[in-house]
């Protein structure tokens, strides 16, 4: 009752099952090497950039605000955007860092 009927053309059903698993595994590997691994590499590079940030570096935030680093705390960065105008951002909000002169 619960058994599947044998294939009508006499083929071995395990052969097609194995090839299905091999193709599924290949798709997963391609997805890993094309999507996940590069994203992890970019995240690691961005974290290294943020860790290397120091006072006086020019930064651009993810919202497009340009400024100069005035102070760095554990999780926040104070950015000077104009004379006597300092804004505090999370470190994660910094999109790019250009070393100061």
C-alpha atoms as a PDB file:
ATOM      1  CA  UNK A   1       0.000   0.000   0.000  1.00  0.00           C
ATOM      2  CA  UNK A   2       2.782   2.475   0.878  1.00  0.00           C
ATOM      3  CA  UNK A   3       5.276   1.063  -1.589  1.00  0.00           C
ATOM      4  CA  UNK A   4       5.848   2.867  -4.847  1.00  0.00           C
ATOM      5  CA  UNK A   5       5.281   0.816  -7.978  1.00  0.00           C
ATOM      6  CA  UNK A   6       8.428  -0.322  -9.803  1.00  0.00           C
ATOM      7  CA  UNK A   7       9.483   1.812 -12.764  1.00  0.00           C
ATOM      8  CA  UNK A   8       7.757   0.763 -15.958  1.00  0.00           C
ATOM      9  CA  UNK A   9      10.831   0.968 -18.202  1.00  0.00           C
ATOM     10  CA  UNK A  10      13.069  -1.139 -15.930  1.00  0.00           C
ATOM     11  CA  UNK A  11      15.477   1.629 -14.859  1.00  0.00           C
ATOM     12  CA  UNK A  12      17.095   1.664 -11.434  1.00  0.00           C
ATOM     13  CA  UNK A  13      15.420   4.477  -9.413  1.00  0.00           C
ATOM     14  CA  UNK A  14      18.482   4.970  -7.189  1.00  0.00           C
ATOM     15  CA  UNK A  15      20.551   6.162 -10.162  1.00  0.00           C
ATOM     16  CA  UNK A  16      18.269   9.124 -10.807  1.00  0.00           C
ATOM     17  CA  UNK A  17      18.086   9.859  -7.079  1.00  0.00           C
ATOM     18  CA  UNK A  18      21.885  10.010  -6.809  1.00  0.00           C
ATOM     19  CA  UNK A  19      22.184  12.308  -9.813  1.00  0.00           C
ATOM     20  CA  UNK A  20      19.523  14.565  -8.289  1.00  0.00           C
ATOM     21  CA  UNK A  21      21.511  14.813  -5.045  1.00  0.00           C
ATOM     22  CA  UNK A  22      24.739  15.520  -6.961  1.00  0.00           C
ATOM     23  CA  UNK A  23      23.080  18.343  -8.919  1.00  0.00           C
ATOM     24  CA  UNK A  24      21.535  19.761  -5.745  1.00  0.00           C
ATOM     25  CA  UNK A  25      24.957  19.702  -4.049  1.00  0.00           C
ATOM     26  CA  UNK A  26      26.548  21.419  -7.066  1.00  0.00           C
ATOM     27  CA  UNK A  27      23.951  24.207  -6.932  1.00  0.00           C
ATOM     28  CA  UNK A  28      24.635  24.724  -3.218  1.00  0.00           C
ATOM     29  CA  UNK A  29      28.414  24.913  -3.838  1.00  0.00           C
ATOM     30  CA  UNK A  30      27.977  27.414  -6.675  1.00  0.00           C
ATOM     31  CA  UNK A  31      25.670  29.511  -4.495  1.00  0.00           C
ATOM     32  CA  UNK A  32      28.245  29.468  -1.669  1.00  0.00           C
ATOM     33  CA  UNK A  33      31.203  30.492  -3.834  1.00  0.00           C
ATOM     34  CA  UNK A  34      29.303  33.117  -5.842  1.00  0.00           C
ATOM     35  CA  UNK A  35      27.199  34.750  -3.107  1.00  0.00           C
ATOM     36  CA  UNK A  36      28.063  33.932   0.491  1.00  0.00           C
ATOM     37  CA  UNK A  37      31.860  33.829   0.436  1.00  0.00           C
ATOM     38  CA  UNK A  38      32.381  37.213  -1.311  1.00  0.00           C
ATOM     39  CA  UNK A  39      29.893  38.842   1.058  1.00  0.00           C
ATOM     40  CA  UNK A  40      31.789  37.493   4.074  1.00  0.00           C
ATOM     41  CA  UNK A  41      35.058  38.780   2.588  1.00  0.00           C
ATOM     42  CA  UNK A  42      33.614  42.289   2.077  1.00  0.00           C
ATOM     43  CA  UNK A  43      32.253  42.305   5.645  1.00  0.00           C
ATOM     44  CA  UNK A  44      35.651  41.299   7.035  1.00  0.00           C
ATOM     45  CA  UNK A  45      37.404  44.044   5.019  1.00  0.00           C
ATOM     46  CA  UNK A  46      34.861  46.644   6.189  1.00  0.00           C
ATOM     47  CA  UNK A  47      35.352  45.618   9.828  1.00  0.00           C
ATOM     48  CA  UNK A  48      39.135  45.912   9.428  1.00  0.00           C
ATOM     49  CA  UNK A  49      38.686  49.382   7.924  1.00  0.00           C
ATOM     50  CA  UNK A  50      36.510  50.484  10.838  1.00  0.00           C
ATOM     51  CA  UNK A  51      38.955  49.053  13.368  1.00  0.00           C
ATOM     52  CA  UNK A  52      41.806  50.959  11.704  1.00  0.00           C
ATOM     53  CA  UNK A  53      39.946  54.270  11.726  1.00  0.00           C
ATOM     54  CA  UNK A  54      41.593  57.060  13.736  1.00  0.00           C
ATOM     55  CA  UNK A  55      41.049  60.686  14.639  1.00  0.00           C
ATOM     56  CA  UNK A  56      41.460  62.993  11.633  1.00  0.00           C
ATOM     57  CA  UNK A  57      40.372  60.458   8.983  1.00  0.00           C
ATOM     58  CA  UNK A  58      37.844  61.614   6.414  1.00  0.00           C
ATOM     59  CA  UNK A  59      34.700  59.460   6.431  1.00  0.00           C
ATOM     60  CA  UNK A  60      31.469  59.068   4.504  1.00  0.00           C
ATOM     61  CA  UNK A  61      28.448  57.637   6.318  1.00  0.00           C
ATOM     62  CA  UNK A  62      25.956  55.245   4.794  1.00  0.00           C
ATOM     63  CA  UNK A  63      23.502  58.161   4.541  1.00  0.00           C
ATOM     64  CA  UNK A  64      26.006  60.210   2.526  1.00  0.00           C
ATOM     65  CA  UNK A  65      27.234  62.592   5.237  1.00  0.00           C
ATOM     66  CA  UNK A  66      30.882  63.636   4.728  1.00  0.00           C
ATOM     67  CA  UNK A  67      33.080  64.669   7.636  1.00  0.00           C
ATOM     68  CA  UNK A  68      36.226  64.209   9.673  1.00  0.00           C
ATOM     69  CA  UNK A  69      36.563  61.886  12.670  1.00  0.00           C
ATOM     70  CA  UNK A  70      36.748  63.952  15.865  1.00  0.00           C
ATOM     71  CA  UNK A  71      36.517  61.176  18.457  1.00  0.00           C
ATOM     72  CA  UNK A  72      36.145  57.382  18.496  1.00  0.00           C
ATOM     73  CA  UNK A  73      34.489  55.357  21.247  1.00  0.00           C
ATOM     74  CA  UNK A  74      33.918  51.610  21.458  1.00  0.00           C
ATOM     75  CA  UNK A  75      30.739  51.654  19.363  1.00  0.00           C
ATOM     76  CA  UNK A  76      30.355  55.283  18.208  1.00  0.00           C
ATOM     77  CA  UNK A  77      32.244  57.829  16.149  1.00  0.00           C
ATOM     78  CA  UNK A  78      31.949  61.607  16.499  1.00  0.00           C
ATOM     79  CA  UNK A  79      32.200  63.220  13.066  1.00  0.00           C
ATOM     80  CA  UNK A  80      32.854  66.922  12.507  1.00  0.00           C
ATOM     81  CA  UNK A  81      30.777  68.027   9.504  1.00  0.00           C
ATOM     82  CA  UNK A  82      31.284  71.808   9.820  1.00  0.00           C
ATOM     83  CA  UNK A  83      32.956  74.290  12.136  1.00  0.00           C
ATOM     84  CA  UNK A  84      31.666  73.671  15.669  1.00  0.00           C
ATOM     85  CA  UNK A  85      29.268  70.966  14.397  1.00  0.00           C
ATOM     86  CA  UNK A  86      29.924  67.411  15.539  1.00  0.00           C
ATOM     87  CA  UNK A  87      27.517  64.519  15.022  1.00  0.00           C
ATOM     88  CA  UNK A  88      27.763  61.149  16.764  1.00  0.00           C
ATOM     89  CA  UNK A  89      27.226  58.022  14.599  1.00  0.00           C
ATOM     90  CA  UNK A  90      27.364  54.305  15.234  1.00  0.00           C
ATOM     91  CA  UNK A  91      30.519  52.751  13.815  1.00  0.00           C
ATOM     92  CA  UNK A  92      28.355  50.567  11.595  1.00  0.00           C
ATOM     93  CA  UNK A  93      26.997  53.709   9.889  1.00  0.00           C
ATOM     94  CA  UNK A  94      30.433  54.540   8.429  1.00  0.00           C
ATOM     95  CA  UNK A  95      30.521  53.437   4.787  1.00  0.00           C
ATOM     96  CA  UNK A  96      34.055  54.450   3.794  1.00  0.00           C
ATOM     97  CA  UNK A  97      37.195  55.792   5.423  1.00  0.00           C
ATOM     98  CA  UNK A  98      39.881  57.896   3.723  1.00  0.00           C
ATOM     99  CA  UNK A  99      43.000  58.435   5.839  1.00  0.00           C
ATOM    100  CA  UNK A 100      43.517  62.077   6.799  1.00  0.00           C
ATOM    101  CA  UNK A 101      46.442  64.173   5.555  1.00  0.00           C
END
